[in-house]
Amino acid sequence: MTHEIFPHIEVHPDVRFGKPVLKGTRVPVDLIVGKIAGGMTVEEVMTEYGLTRDQVLATLQYAAKLVAEEELAMAA
């Protein structure tokens, strides 16, 4: 069963081991975020993976949401 966890982002246990992917694709969110972090432009990622601008930006928004919600336990 597929679950949409964020706009344009879904998980399915049988697709990429249940990792978040762009809806209707097998393209994992972490791959796209990594490509942008590695210096690719949004346009290059769009062309390389056949994605829309909204899909690429959704991966960045999803990653930002995860970081914003993350709580770290700092050892004293």
C-alpha atoms as a PDB file:
ATOM      1  CA  MET A   1       0.000   0.000   0.000  1.00  0.00           C
ATOM      2  CA  THR A   2       1.352   3.415  -1.008  1.00  0.00           C
ATOM      3  CA  HIS A   3       1.238   6.309   1.461  1.00  0.00           C
ATOM      4  CA  GLU A   4       1.683   9.949   0.481  1.00  0.00           C
ATOM      5  CA  ILE A   5       3.739  11.449   3.310  1.00  0.00           C
ATOM      6  CA  PHE A   6       4.267  14.908   1.793  1.00  0.00           C
ATOM      7  CA  PRO A   7       3.095  16.582  -1.416  1.00  0.00           C
ATOM      8  CA  HIS A   8       4.779  14.697  -4.313  1.00  0.00           C
ATOM      9  CA  ILE A   9       6.439  12.268  -1.850  1.00  0.00           C
ATOM     10  CA  GLU A  10       5.262   8.734  -1.118  1.00  0.00           C
ATOM     11  CA  VAL A  11       6.443   5.492   0.432  1.00  0.00           C
ATOM     12  CA  HIS A  12       5.604   1.936  -0.537  1.00  0.00           C
ATOM     13  CA  PRO A  13       7.169  -1.086   1.165  1.00  0.00           C
ATOM     14  CA  ASP A  14       7.947  -2.702  -2.200  1.00  0.00           C
ATOM     15  CA  VAL A  15       9.590   0.367  -3.772  1.00  0.00           C
ATOM     16  CA  ARG A  16      13.147   1.239  -2.768  1.00  0.00           C
ATOM     17  CA  PHE A  17      12.791  -0.681   0.499  1.00  0.00           C
ATOM     18  CA  GLY A  18      10.091   1.715   1.732  1.00  0.00           C
ATOM     19  CA  LYS A  19      12.276   4.807   1.391  1.00  0.00           C
ATOM     20  CA  PRO A  20      10.561   8.071   0.380  1.00  0.00           C
ATOM     21  CA  VAL A  21      10.357   8.487  -3.398  1.00  0.00           C
ATOM     22  CA  LEU A  22       8.784  10.991  -5.730  1.00  0.00           C
ATOM     23  CA  LYS A  23       5.165  10.049  -6.304  1.00  0.00           C
ATOM     24  CA  GLY A  24       4.680   7.761  -9.290  1.00  0.00           C
ATOM     25  CA  THR A  25       8.429   7.151  -9.688  1.00  0.00           C
ATOM     26  CA  ARG A  26      11.190   5.051  -8.189  1.00  0.00           C
ATOM     27  CA  VAL A  27      13.390   8.139  -7.717  1.00  0.00           C
ATOM     28  CA  PRO A  28      14.374   8.397  -4.038  1.00  0.00           C
ATOM     29  CA  VAL A  29      14.214  11.718  -2.239  1.00  0.00           C
ATOM     30  CA  ASP A  30      17.726  11.341  -0.822  1.00  0.00           C
ATOM     31  CA  LEU A  31      19.160  10.916  -4.328  1.00  0.00           C
ATOM     32  CA  ILE A  32      17.675  14.214  -5.508  1.00  0.00           C
ATOM     33  CA  VAL A  33      18.724  16.110  -2.380  1.00  0.00           C
ATOM     34  CA  GLY A  34      22.214  14.648  -2.744  1.00  0.00           C
ATOM     35  CA  LYS A  35      22.460  15.694  -6.391  1.00  0.00           C
ATOM     36  CA  ILE A  36      21.495  19.281  -5.504  1.00  0.00           C
ATOM     37  CA  ALA A  37      23.948  19.269  -2.585  1.00  0.00           C
ATOM     38  CA  GLY A  38      26.617  17.962  -4.944  1.00  0.00           C
ATOM     39  CA  GLY A  39      26.248  20.954  -7.231  1.00  0.00           C
ATOM     40  CA  MET A  40      23.663  19.964  -9.827  1.00  0.00           C
ATOM     41  CA  THR A  41      21.127  22.633 -10.645  1.00  0.00           C
ATOM     42  CA  VAL A  42      17.407  22.058 -10.339  1.00  0.00           C
ATOM     43  CA  GLU A  43      17.204  22.140 -14.135  1.00  0.00           C
ATOM     44  CA  GLU A  44      19.953  19.514 -14.491  1.00  0.00           C
ATOM     45  CA  VAL A  45      18.196  17.223 -12.026  1.00  0.00           C
ATOM     46  CA  MET A  46      14.896  17.745 -13.850  1.00  0.00           C
ATOM     47  CA  THR A  47      16.497  16.742 -17.150  1.00  0.00           C
ATOM     48  CA  GLU A  48      18.523  13.834 -15.730  1.00  0.00           C
ATOM     49  CA  TYR A  49      15.536  12.172 -14.022  1.00  0.00           C
ATOM     50  CA  GLY A  50      12.581  13.430 -16.084  1.00  0.00           C
ATOM     51  CA  LEU A  51      11.097  15.397 -13.197  1.00  0.00           C
ATOM     52  CA  THR A  52       9.187  18.632 -12.861  1.00  0.00           C
ATOM     53  CA  ARG A  53      10.417  21.655 -10.941  1.00  0.00           C
ATOM     54  CA  ASP A  54       7.657  21.055  -8.370  1.00  0.00           C
ATOM     55  CA  GLN A  55       8.884  17.502  -7.796  1.00  0.00           C
ATOM     56  CA  VAL A  56      12.490  18.576  -7.277  1.00  0.00           C
ATOM     57  CA  LEU A  57      11.512  21.412  -4.954  1.00  0.00           C
ATOM     58  CA  ALA A  58       9.247  19.045  -2.996  1.00  0.00           C
ATOM     59  CA  THR A  59      12.285  16.904  -2.139  1.00  0.00           C
ATOM     60  CA  LEU A  60      14.071  19.948  -0.736  1.00  0.00           C
ATOM     61  CA  GLN A  61      10.984  21.053   1.192  1.00  0.00           C
ATOM     62  CA  TYR A  62      10.565  17.565   2.624  1.00  0.00           C
ATOM     63  CA  ALA A  63      14.224  17.439   3.689  1.00  0.00           C
ATOM     64  CA  ALA A  64      13.912  20.875   5.315  1.00  0.00           C
ATOM     65  CA  LYS A  65      10.818  19.705   7.202  1.00  0.00           C
ATOM     66  CA  LEU A  66      12.669  16.664   8.539  1.00  0.00           C
ATOM     67  CA  VAL A  67      15.609  18.750   9.709  1.00  0.00           C
ATOM     68  CA  ALA A  68      13.320  21.305  11.331  1.00  0.00           C
ATOM     69  CA  GLU A  69      11.571  18.539  13.299  1.00  0.00           C
ATOM     70  CA  GLU A  70      14.763  16.758  14.313  1.00  0.00           C
ATOM     71  CA  GLU A  71      15.692  16.791  17.969  1.00  0.00           C
ATOM     72  CA  LEU A  72      19.247  16.075  18.967  1.00  0.00           C
ATOM     73  CA  ALA A  73      20.316  14.871  22.369  1.00  0.00           C
ATOM     74  CA  MET A  74      23.517  16.682  23.222  1.00  0.00           C
ATOM     75  CA  ALA A  75      25.788  15.020  25.752  1.00  0.00           C
ATOM     76  CA  ALA A  76      27.102  17.372  28.405  1.00  0.00           C
END
